[in-house]
Protein backbone atom coordinates (compact mmCIF):
# COMPACT_ATOMS: atom_id res chain seq x y z
CA MET A 1 17.34 62.15 -1.01
CA ILE A 2 17.25 59.35 -3.57
CA ILE A 3 14.46 59.24 -6.17
CA LYS A 4 13.82 56.00 -8.11
CA TYR A 5 16.18 53.76 -6.23
CA MET A 6 14.04 50.94 -7.61
CA PRO A 7 11.06 51.04 -9.98
CA GLU A 8 8.63 50.18 -7.20
CA ASP A 9 9.59 53.47 -5.52
CA PHE A 10 8.00 55.39 -8.39
CA VAL A 11 4.41 54.48 -9.06
CA VAL A 12 2.37 56.41 -11.63
CA GLN A 13 -1.34 56.23 -12.39
CA GLU A 14 -2.66 58.10 -15.42
CA VAL A 15 -5.76 60.29 -15.13
CA LEU A 16 -7.54 60.27 -18.46
CA VAL A 17 -10.79 61.85 -19.55
CA THR A 18 -12.54 59.63 -22.11
CA ASP A 19 -15.96 58.04 -22.39
CA HIS A 20 -15.98 54.32 -23.12
CA SER A 21 -18.58 51.62 -23.26
CA PRO A 22 -18.26 47.99 -22.23
CA GLN A 23 -20.54 47.05 -25.15
CA TYR A 24 -19.61 47.26 -28.83
CA SER A 25 -22.02 49.40 -30.90
CA GLY A 26 -19.97 50.44 -33.91
CA GLN A 27 -17.10 52.22 -32.15
CA GLY A 28 -13.85 52.42 -34.08
CA TYR A 29 -11.41 51.59 -31.25
CA MET A 30 -10.82 49.46 -28.19
CA LEU A 31 -9.58 50.98 -24.92
CA LEU A 32 -7.11 49.01 -22.80
CA THR A 33 -5.06 49.57 -19.68
CA LEU A 34 -1.35 49.12 -20.16
CA GLU A 35 0.63 48.51 -16.97
CA LYS A 36 4.37 48.17 -17.24
CA LYS A 37 7.77 48.11 -15.58
CA GLY A 38 11.13 48.29 -17.32
CA TYR A 39 9.74 49.62 -20.58
CA SER A 40 9.19 53.12 -21.93
CA THR A 41 5.75 53.75 -23.40
CA PHE A 42 7.33 53.63 -26.86
CA ASN A 43 8.96 50.26 -26.28
CA ALA A 44 5.89 48.78 -24.56
CA ILE A 45 3.72 49.76 -27.53
CA GLN A 46 6.25 48.47 -30.02
CA ASN A 47 6.47 45.15 -28.19
CA THR A 48 2.68 44.90 -28.05
CA GLU A 49 2.29 45.68 -31.72
CA SER A 50 4.96 43.16 -32.68
CA TRP A 51 3.54 40.36 -30.50
CA PHE A 52 -0.02 40.76 -31.82
CA GLY A 53 1.02 41.64 -35.38
CA ILE A 54 -0.95 44.93 -35.28
CA SER A 55 -0.28 48.64 -35.79
CA ASP A 56 -1.64 52.08 -34.92
CA VAL A 57 -1.68 51.62 -31.15
CA GLU A 58 -1.99 55.08 -29.56
CA ALA A 59 -1.35 56.45 -26.07
CA ALA A 60 -2.28 59.81 -24.62
CA GLY A 61 0.89 60.17 -22.51
CA LEU A 62 4.45 58.93 -22.16
CA LYS A 63 5.69 57.03 -19.10
CA ASP A 64 9.32 56.29 -18.31
CA SER A 65 10.89 52.82 -18.04
CA ASP A 66 12.23 53.21 -14.49
CA GLY A 67 8.93 53.10 -12.65
CA VAL A 68 5.77 51.05 -12.27
CA THR A 69 3.20 52.85 -14.42
CA SER A 70 -0.37 52.48 -15.58
CA GLN A 71 -1.90 54.19 -18.59
CA LYS A 72 -4.48 53.76 -21.34
CA ILE A 73 -4.01 52.81 -24.99
CA SER A 74 -6.35 52.63 -27.93
CA VAL A 75 -6.31 49.93 -30.60
CA PRO A 76 -8.26 50.00 -33.93
CA ILE A 77 -11.33 47.76 -33.83
CA CYS A 78 -10.07 45.82 -36.84
CA HIS A 79 -7.73 44.10 -34.38
CA LYS A 80 -10.51 42.93 -32.10
CA ASP A 81 -9.36 39.32 -32.25
CA MET A 82 -6.36 40.33 -30.08
CA LEU A 83 -8.72 40.24 -27.08
CA ASP A 84 -8.74 36.44 -27.27
CA ARG A 85 -4.95 36.35 -26.76
CA ILE A 86 -4.44 38.95 -24.03
CA ASP A 87 -4.01 36.37 -21.24
CA THR A 88 -1.29 34.60 -23.23
CA PHE A 89 0.40 37.94 -23.92
CA ASN A 90 0.37 38.84 -20.24
CA GLN A 91 1.82 35.48 -19.25
CA GLU A 92 4.66 35.70 -21.80
CA ASN A 93 5.45 39.30 -20.84
CA SER A 94 5.47 38.89 -17.07
CA GLY A 95 8.57 39.00 -14.89
CA ALA A 96 10.12 40.42 -11.77
CA GLU A 97 12.52 42.81 -13.51
CA LYS A 98 10.18 43.97 -16.28
CA PHE A 99 6.67 43.29 -17.48
CA ILE A 100 3.83 44.48 -19.66
CA HIS A 101 0.21 43.76 -18.62
CA LEU A 102 -2.86 44.56 -20.75
CA ALA A 103 -6.49 44.68 -19.60
CA PHE A 104 -9.51 45.37 -21.78
CA LEU A 105 -11.71 48.32 -20.64
CA GLY A 106 -14.24 48.88 -23.40
CA TYR A 107 -14.86 50.62 -26.70
CA VAL A 108 -14.32 54.27 -27.78
CA ASN A 109 -15.11 56.25 -30.86
CA GLU A 110 -11.72 57.92 -31.35
CA PRO A 111 -8.08 57.03 -30.76
CA LEU A 112 -6.35 58.49 -27.74
CA ARG A 113 -4.72 61.90 -28.07
CA PRO A 114 -2.56 63.94 -25.61
CA ALA A 115 -5.41 66.48 -25.25
CA ARG A 116 -7.42 63.78 -23.44
CA LEU A 117 -4.86 63.46 -20.67
CA GLU A 118 -5.59 65.35 -17.47
CA GLY A 119 -2.39 64.40 -15.72
CA ASN A 120 -0.93 61.73 -13.43
CA VAL A 121 -1.10 60.68 -9.78
CA PHE A 122 2.29 59.85 -8.27
CA ARG A 123 3.19 57.80 -5.23
CA LEU A 124 6.91 57.98 -4.46
CA ARG A 125 9.22 56.55 -1.85
CA LEU A 126 12.11 58.97 -1.21
CA ARG A 127 15.10 57.04 0.14
CA GLY A 128 18.37 57.88 1.84
CA MET A 129 16.90 60.69 3.92
CA GLU A 130 18.15 61.80 7.31
CA ALA A 131 15.63 60.61 9.91
CA SER A 132 15.12 64.06 11.40
CA ARG A 133 14.49 65.58 7.95
CA ALA A 134 11.99 62.83 6.96
CA GLU A 135 10.14 63.26 10.27
CA SER A 136 10.08 67.04 9.76
CA TRP A 137 8.53 66.67 6.32
CA LEU A 138 6.03 64.13 7.57
CA SER A 139 4.91 66.50 10.33
CA LYS A 140 3.77 69.00 7.70
CA GLN A 141 1.23 66.43 6.39
CA ILE A 142 0.68 68.52 3.23
CA TYR A 143 2.78 71.12 1.46
CA THR A 144 1.76 73.39 -1.41
CA LEU A 145 4.67 73.38 -3.91
CA VAL A 146 5.26 75.74 -6.79
CA TYR A 147 8.14 74.83 -9.10
CA PRO A 148 9.46 75.46 -12.63
CA ASN A 149 7.84 73.40 -15.33
CA TYR A 150 11.12 72.16 -16.78
CA PHE A 151 11.30 69.04 -18.89
CA ASP A 152 13.43 66.70 -16.79
CA LYS A 153 16.27 64.49 -17.92
CA GLN A 154 13.99 61.65 -18.97
CA ARG A 155 12.98 63.80 -21.97
CA PHE A 156 16.53 63.74 -23.28
CA GLY A 157 17.52 60.09 -23.07
CA VAL A 158 17.11 56.71 -21.43
CA PRO A 159 18.38 55.92 -17.93
CA GLY A 160 22.13 55.28 -17.70
CA TYR A 161 22.99 56.62 -21.18
CA LYS A 162 24.11 59.93 -22.59
CA LYS A 163 21.25 62.36 -23.00
CA THR A 164 21.15 63.08 -26.73
CA THR A 165 17.55 63.05 -27.93
CA HIS A 166 17.47 66.87 -28.26
CA LEU A 167 20.72 66.73 -30.23
CA ILE A 168 19.20 64.15 -32.55
CA GLY A 169 16.19 66.40 -32.99
CA GLU A 170 18.34 69.43 -33.74
CA ALA A 171 20.41 67.56 -36.35
CA LEU A 172 17.22 66.22 -38.00
CA TYR A 173 15.75 69.70 -38.02
CA ASN A 174 18.87 70.89 -39.88
CA LYS A 175 18.75 67.80 -42.15
CA ASP A 176 22.14 66.75 -40.89
CA TYR A 177 21.34 63.05 -40.85
CA LYS A 178 24.93 61.91 -40.31
CA THR A 179 25.26 63.88 -37.09
CA ALA A 180 21.83 62.72 -35.98
CA TYR A 181 22.92 59.11 -36.48
CA GLU A 182 26.12 59.69 -34.48
CA HIS A 183 24.13 61.08 -31.58
CA LEU A 184 21.72 58.19 -31.86
CA LEU A 185 24.53 55.67 -31.43
CA GLN A 186 25.30 57.24 -28.03
CA SER A 187 21.66 57.23 -26.88
CA GLY A 188 21.31 53.59 -25.75
CA THR A 189 17.87 53.28 -27.42
CA ARG A 190 16.77 50.29 -29.43
CA GLU A 191 16.70 52.43 -32.57
CA ALA A 192 20.51 52.54 -32.44
CA SER A 193 20.53 48.83 -33.29
CA LEU A 194 18.40 49.12 -36.42
CA PRO A 195 20.03 48.02 -39.73
CA PHE A 196 22.21 50.68 -41.31
CA ASP A 197 23.43 50.48 -44.94
CA GLY A 198 25.26 53.80 -45.16
CA ASP A 199 22.26 55.87 -46.15
CA TYR A 200 21.84 58.27 -43.17
CA GLU A 201 18.62 59.87 -44.39
CA GLY A 202 17.12 56.52 -45.32
CA PHE A 203 18.01 55.16 -41.89
CA PHE A 204 15.75 57.69 -40.17
CA GLU A 205 12.91 56.93 -42.57
CA GLN A 206 12.58 53.44 -41.07
CA ILE A 207 12.21 54.72 -37.48
CA ASP A 208 8.75 54.61 -35.90
CA LYS A 209 7.03 57.93 -36.61
CA ARG A 210 6.18 58.27 -32.90
CA VAL A 211 9.84 57.97 -31.94
CA ARG A 212 10.85 60.34 -34.72
CA GLY A 213 8.34 62.85 -33.35
CA PHE A 214 9.84 62.47 -29.89
CA TYR A 215 13.23 63.72 -31.20
CA ASP A 216 11.52 66.85 -32.51
CA SER A 217 9.77 67.26 -29.19
CA ALA A 218 13.04 66.88 -27.29
CA LEU A 219 14.48 69.79 -29.26
CA TYR A 220 11.50 71.94 -28.33
CA SER A 221 11.89 70.84 -24.72
CA TRP A 222 15.57 71.77 -24.52
CA ASP A 223 14.86 75.23 -25.94
CA PHE A 224 11.98 75.69 -23.49
CA ASN A 225 14.26 74.73 -20.57
CA SER A 226 16.92 77.19 -21.68
CA ARG A 227 14.50 80.07 -21.97
CA LEU A 228 12.83 79.26 -18.67
CA GLY A 229 16.23 79.12 -16.93
CA ASP A 230 17.06 82.56 -18.34
CA LEU A 231 13.79 84.01 -17.02
CA LEU A 232 14.33 82.54 -13.54
CA GLU A 233 17.88 83.81 -13.37
CA GLU A 234 16.68 87.30 -14.30
CA ALA A 235 13.95 87.14 -11.67
CA GLY A 236 15.96 86.21 -8.59
CA PRO A 237 18.51 83.90 -6.98
CA VAL A 238 18.77 80.44 -8.47
CA ARG A 239 20.57 77.25 -7.50
CA THR A 240 21.99 75.07 -10.25
CA VAL A 241 21.08 71.39 -9.81
CA LYS A 242 22.90 68.89 -12.06
CA ASP A 243 21.45 65.51 -12.91
CA GLU A 244 23.25 63.12 -15.28
CA GLY A 245 25.04 65.96 -17.01
CA ILE A 246 21.98 68.21 -17.38
CA ALA A 247 21.88 71.43 -15.40
CA PHE A 248 18.70 73.01 -14.10
CA ARG A 249 18.56 76.57 -12.72
CA MET A 250 16.12 76.14 -9.82
CA PRO A 251 14.68 78.98 -7.73
CA ALA A 252 16.58 79.33 -4.48
CA GLU A 253 13.70 81.29 -3.00
CA LYS A 254 9.96 81.28 -3.59
CA ARG A 255 9.93 84.98 -4.52
CA THR A 256 12.02 84.19 -7.61
CA MET A 257 8.85 82.78 -9.25
CA ALA A 258 6.41 85.53 -8.22
CA GLY A 259 6.61 87.41 -11.54
CA LEU A 260 6.16 84.29 -13.63
CA MET A 261 2.96 83.02 -12.05
CA ALA A 262 0.59 83.76 -14.96
CA GLU A 263 3.02 83.63 -17.85
CA GLU A 264 3.54 81.08 -20.59
CA PHE A 265 5.77 81.08 -23.64
CA PRO A 266 3.87 82.70 -26.52
CA GLU A 267 4.47 81.49 -30.07
CA GLU A 268 6.98 84.17 -31.06
CA ARG A 269 9.33 83.34 -28.19
CA MET A 270 10.03 79.88 -29.52
CA GLY A 271 11.69 81.26 -32.68
CA SER A 272 13.10 78.86 -35.22
CA PHE A 273 12.92 75.97 -32.76
CA ARG A 274 9.14 75.90 -32.89
CA VAL A 275 8.43 72.56 -34.57
CA LYS A 276 5.59 70.04 -34.53
CA THR A 277 5.80 68.21 -31.21
CA LEU A 278 3.97 65.68 -29.09
CA GLU A 279 2.48 68.65 -27.25
CA GLN A 280 0.91 69.74 -30.57
CA SER A 281 2.32 73.25 -30.05
CA VAL A 282 0.12 73.88 -26.99
CA PRO A 283 1.67 76.73 -24.92
CA ARG A 284 3.43 75.39 -21.82
CA LYS A 285 3.05 77.06 -18.46
CA LEU A 286 6.28 78.21 -16.81
CA LEU A 287 5.25 77.01 -13.30
CA VAL A 288 3.36 74.10 -11.77
CA THR A 289 1.47 74.05 -8.47
CA THR A 290 0.71 70.86 -6.57
CA ASN A 291 -0.11 69.72 -3.06
CA VAL A 292 2.42 67.16 -1.79
CA ASN A 293 0.97 64.75 0.74
CA PHE A 294 3.41 63.21 3.22
CA LEU A 295 2.05 59.76 4.01
CA GLY A 296 4.56 57.96 6.22
CA CYS A 297 8.17 57.29 6.95
CA GLY A 298 10.31 54.41 8.24
CA GLN A 299 13.72 52.83 8.10
CA ASP A 300 15.29 52.54 4.69
CA GLU A 301 16.23 48.87 4.36
CA PHE A 302 18.66 49.63 1.55
CA HIS A 303 20.48 52.49 3.25
CA PRO A 304 21.34 51.69 6.89
CA GLY A 305 20.73 54.54 9.26
CA ALA A 306 18.61 56.45 6.74
CA SER A 307 14.86 56.85 6.41
CA VAL A 308 12.42 56.35 3.52
CA LEU A 309 9.51 58.83 3.14
CA THR A 310 6.33 58.12 1.13
CA VAL A 311 4.70 61.02 -0.68
CA SER A 312 1.85 61.38 -3.18
CA PHE A 313 0.58 64.21 -5.39
CA PHE A 314 -1.16 64.96 -8.69
CA LEU A 315 0.52 66.76 -11.60
CA PRO A 316 -1.07 68.09 -14.81
CA MET A 317 -0.12 66.67 -18.20
CA GLY A 318 3.50 67.17 -19.12
CA ALA A 319 4.79 68.03 -15.63
CA TYR A 320 7.56 65.95 -14.09
CA ALA A 321 7.42 64.45 -10.60
CA THR A 322 11.20 64.23 -10.46
CA MET A 323 11.42 67.97 -11.07
CA ALA A 324 8.94 68.61 -8.29
CA MET A 325 11.15 66.60 -5.90
CA LYS A 326 14.23 68.54 -6.98
CA GLN A 327 12.47 71.77 -5.94
CA LEU A 328 11.08 70.32 -2.73
CA ASP A 329 14.57 69.33 -1.73
CA ILE A 330 15.62 73.00 -1.99
CA PHE A 331 12.64 74.52 -0.22
CA LEU A 332 12.33 72.15 2.72
């Protein structure tokens, strides 16, 4: 099974709870839809801010670069004149390989925050499947999946590069700025190309605060994954799945997760790694439950003799669709 063979195979629609009005009546922010391909949320926001000459654009969630994604952003009302230039922005940032597209929705009283995000709806095309297996999955129509709420590899680096964001976060936490910089150079992110004058600590001061916070969050995520893996291994048989150098201890049987159904990591279990994160220190559930809908299958035009299967499902905030598919591949 191949996930994300091309960005169009991985379509994400954000589900966001926020009241907005099409009419301006003193609200402090504008609400826009940001659709993108080939950009992470961070990079799309940075590009948007740079193009319009603005700042303080906020998003409720993070979307990866290797998919076609749609989400909301908020912009301070003091930049209202940007609305006159959105069409030009969209034209200049369109393309087949990558694009950013903005659309005005209305006005809101507050900037977006992660707490406003309900989750995301995913529509995936799973490629390279044996025809008999794809047809077997399709015949189920719907499957209730429970799986470990790991942070997947996207949390730890950009596609095609060494996964180091958690190592950057750990070094920054320990105020070892030289080591943090060395890990950054291996990360493949645009921050690695920022000017460097030999002052390691000063270098990290120039990095966007949102990106800096992501390094802290990656450290938290790595620690969470490690502890969750330990719990699963204690509970029952696991199967180690490796993806771009990162190993995940996945339940080999459903019963492995039975004892963890209602648990979450309380504050004291995070120890010294508990830092301010993009999750704002909200406890994270150990398991996720979703209903996977099997929508259709056909020949895979990129893998002769194989089939492509289309699925859709909803996941709550912070849960990874790629992790759900890793588990589905084990159970079915």
